[in-house]
Protein backbone atom coordinates (compact mmCIF):
# COMPACT_ATOMS: atom_id res chain seq x y z
CA UNK A 1 -60.82 -20.35 27.00
CA UNK A 2 -57.48 -19.37 25.88
CA UNK A 3 -57.31 -16.64 23.27
CA UNK A 4 -55.85 -18.06 20.14
CA UNK A 5 -52.15 -17.40 19.60
CA UNK A 6 -51.11 -16.60 15.92
CA UNK A 7 -48.71 -19.43 14.91
CA UNK A 8 -45.24 -19.12 14.03
CA UNK A 9 -44.88 -17.09 10.82
CA UNK A 10 -43.06 -19.10 8.34
CA UNK A 11 -39.96 -18.18 6.38
CA UNK A 12 -41.61 -18.36 3.00
CA UNK A 13 -44.89 -16.07 4.09
CA UNK A 14 -42.33 -13.59 5.42
CA UNK A 15 -40.41 -13.60 2.34
CA UNK A 16 -43.65 -13.16 0.15
CA UNK A 17 -45.03 -10.32 2.18
CA UNK A 18 -41.60 -8.47 1.87
CA UNK A 19 -41.45 -9.23 -1.98
CA UNK A 20 -45.19 -7.99 -2.10
CA UNK A 21 -44.37 -4.88 -0.26
CA UNK A 22 -41.26 -4.26 -2.31
CA UNK A 23 -43.25 -4.70 -5.69
CA UNK A 24 -46.06 -2.29 -4.21
CA UNK A 25 -43.31 0.24 -3.56
CA UNK A 26 -41.85 -0.17 -7.13
CA UNK A 27 -45.22 0.00 -8.81
CA UNK A 28 -46.19 3.20 -6.85
CA UNK A 29 -42.77 4.71 -7.87
CA UNK A 30 -43.42 3.64 -11.61
CA UNK A 31 -46.99 5.03 -11.46
CA UNK A 32 -45.60 8.39 -10.18
CA UNK A 33 -42.98 8.63 -12.62
CA UNK A 34 -45.29 7.81 -15.60
CA UNK A 35 -47.67 10.69 -14.13
CA UNK A 36 -44.58 13.25 -14.04
CA UNK A 37 -43.61 12.27 -17.52
CA UNK A 38 -47.45 12.88 -18.76
CA UNK A 39 -47.29 16.38 -17.06
CA UNK A 40 -43.95 17.17 -18.50
CA UNK A 41 -45.17 16.15 -21.97
CA UNK A 42 -48.51 18.56 -21.74
CA UNK A 43 -46.37 21.26 -20.35
CA UNK A 44 -43.96 20.96 -23.37
CA UNK A 45 -46.74 20.82 -25.83
CA UNK A 46 -48.42 23.88 -24.34
CA UNK A 47 -45.30 25.79 -24.23
CA UNK A 48 -44.58 25.14 -27.74
CA UNK A 49 -48.13 26.21 -28.95
CA UNK A 50 -47.97 29.38 -26.91
CA UNK A 51 -44.49 30.19 -28.30
CA UNK A 52 -45.50 29.27 -31.82
CA UNK A 53 -48.66 31.67 -31.61
CA UNK A 54 -46.48 34.48 -29.95
CA UNK A 55 -43.82 34.11 -32.65
CA UNK A 56 -46.18 34.03 -35.55
CA UNK A 57 -48.19 37.07 -34.36
CA UNK A 58 -45.19 39.15 -33.47
CA UNK A 59 -43.37 38.49 -36.69
CA UNK A 60 -46.77 39.69 -38.61
CA UNK A 61 -47.09 42.59 -36.39
CA UNK A 62 -43.40 43.60 -36.89
CA UNK A 63 -43.35 43.09 -40.64
CA UNK A 64 -46.54 45.13 -41.42
CA UNK A 65 -45.57 47.78 -38.86
CA UNK A 66 -42.17 48.18 -40.38
CA UNK A 67 -43.58 48.22 -43.69
CA UNK A 68 -46.13 50.95 -42.64
CA UNK A 69 -43.35 53.04 -41.05
CA UNK A 70 -40.99 52.80 -43.79
CA UNK A 71 -43.62 53.66 -46.49
CA UNK A 72 -44.69 56.68 -44.39
CA UNK A 73 -41.14 57.97 -44.72
CA UNK A 74 -40.24 56.66 -48.23
CA UNK A 75 -39.54 60.02 -49.83
CA UNK A 76 -37.76 61.83 -46.95
CA UNK A 77 -35.88 59.54 -44.32
CA UNK A 78 -36.01 56.01 -45.31
CA UNK A 79 -32.70 54.97 -44.44
CA UNK A 80 -32.79 56.45 -40.89
CA UNK A 81 -36.15 54.93 -40.43
CA UNK A 82 -34.92 51.54 -41.39
CA UNK A 83 -31.96 51.93 -39.22
CA UNK A 84 -33.96 52.89 -36.19
CA UNK A 85 -36.15 49.94 -36.64
CA UNK A 86 -33.12 47.47 -36.98
CA UNK A 87 -32.03 49.18 -33.66
CA UNK A 88 -35.21 48.82 -31.92
CA UNK A 89 -35.72 45.24 -33.16
CA UNK A 90 -32.17 44.36 -31.75
CA UNK A 91 -32.91 46.04 -28.32
CA UNK A 92 -36.31 44.00 -28.25
CA UNK A 93 -34.42 40.72 -29.08
CA UNK A 94 -31.72 41.37 -26.15
CA UNK A 95 -34.76 41.85 -23.70
CA UNK A 96 -36.61 38.80 -24.91
CA UNK A 97 -33.46 36.69 -24.72
CA UNK A 98 -33.06 37.75 -21.13
CA UNK A 99 -36.67 37.28 -20.12
CA UNK A 100 -36.76 33.82 -21.64
CA UNK A 101 -33.54 33.02 -19.45
CA UNK A 102 -35.11 34.13 -16.52
CA UNK A 103 -38.31 32.10 -17.33
CA UNK A 104 -36.19 29.01 -17.68
CA UNK A 105 -34.48 29.41 -14.43
CA UNK A 106 -37.83 29.63 -12.60
CA UNK A 107 -39.20 26.52 -14.04
CA UNK A 108 -39.26 23.55 -11.61
CA UNK A 109 -36.99 20.51 -12.16
CA UNK A 110 -38.74 17.74 -14.39
CA UNK A 111 -39.77 14.69 -12.29
CA UNK A 112 -39.40 16.62 -9.05
CA UNK A 113 -42.13 14.50 -7.28
CA UNK A 114 -40.60 11.16 -8.15
CA UNK A 115 -37.11 12.26 -7.09
CA UNK A 116 -38.49 13.61 -3.75
CA UNK A 117 -40.48 10.28 -3.06
CA UNK A 118 -37.16 8.04 -4.00
CA UNK A 119 -35.09 10.54 -1.58
CA UNK A 120 -37.90 9.95 1.25
CA UNK A 121 -37.43 6.20 0.77
CA UNK A 122 -33.64 6.13 0.86
CA UNK A 123 -33.90 8.29 4.07
CA UNK A 124 -36.54 5.91 5.49
CA UNK A 125 -34.23 2.87 4.78
CA UNK A 126 -31.04 4.56 6.39
CA UNK A 127 -33.11 5.16 9.62
CA UNK A 128 -34.67 1.69 9.55
CA UNK A 129 -38.22 3.26 9.76
């Protein structure tokens, strides 16, 4: 008995297989991009919620703390206390801006996984693998 030899592959079936593989690759990249978008959206919503809470609580603390200190020195040095608090808040603002800029520089680029996969695909096509 002779082992059965596969018949010649038709041109149409090769084109179909190529199209199927191409669409599967596109589908995977679109799914990955969609996942990246969802992750980025969740990260932004969480960042906004945390920033809002911190901002609100900080403003409440600063307001009532300042009122308390000014009230304590109302009869003796109210202008000096107000000027000192203003200087302190200015220094805190500068420190916060510097820390926030550092934080933003450390954040990963959005859609990094999708970009890496597309780069890997291009490299694979260049090398013919």
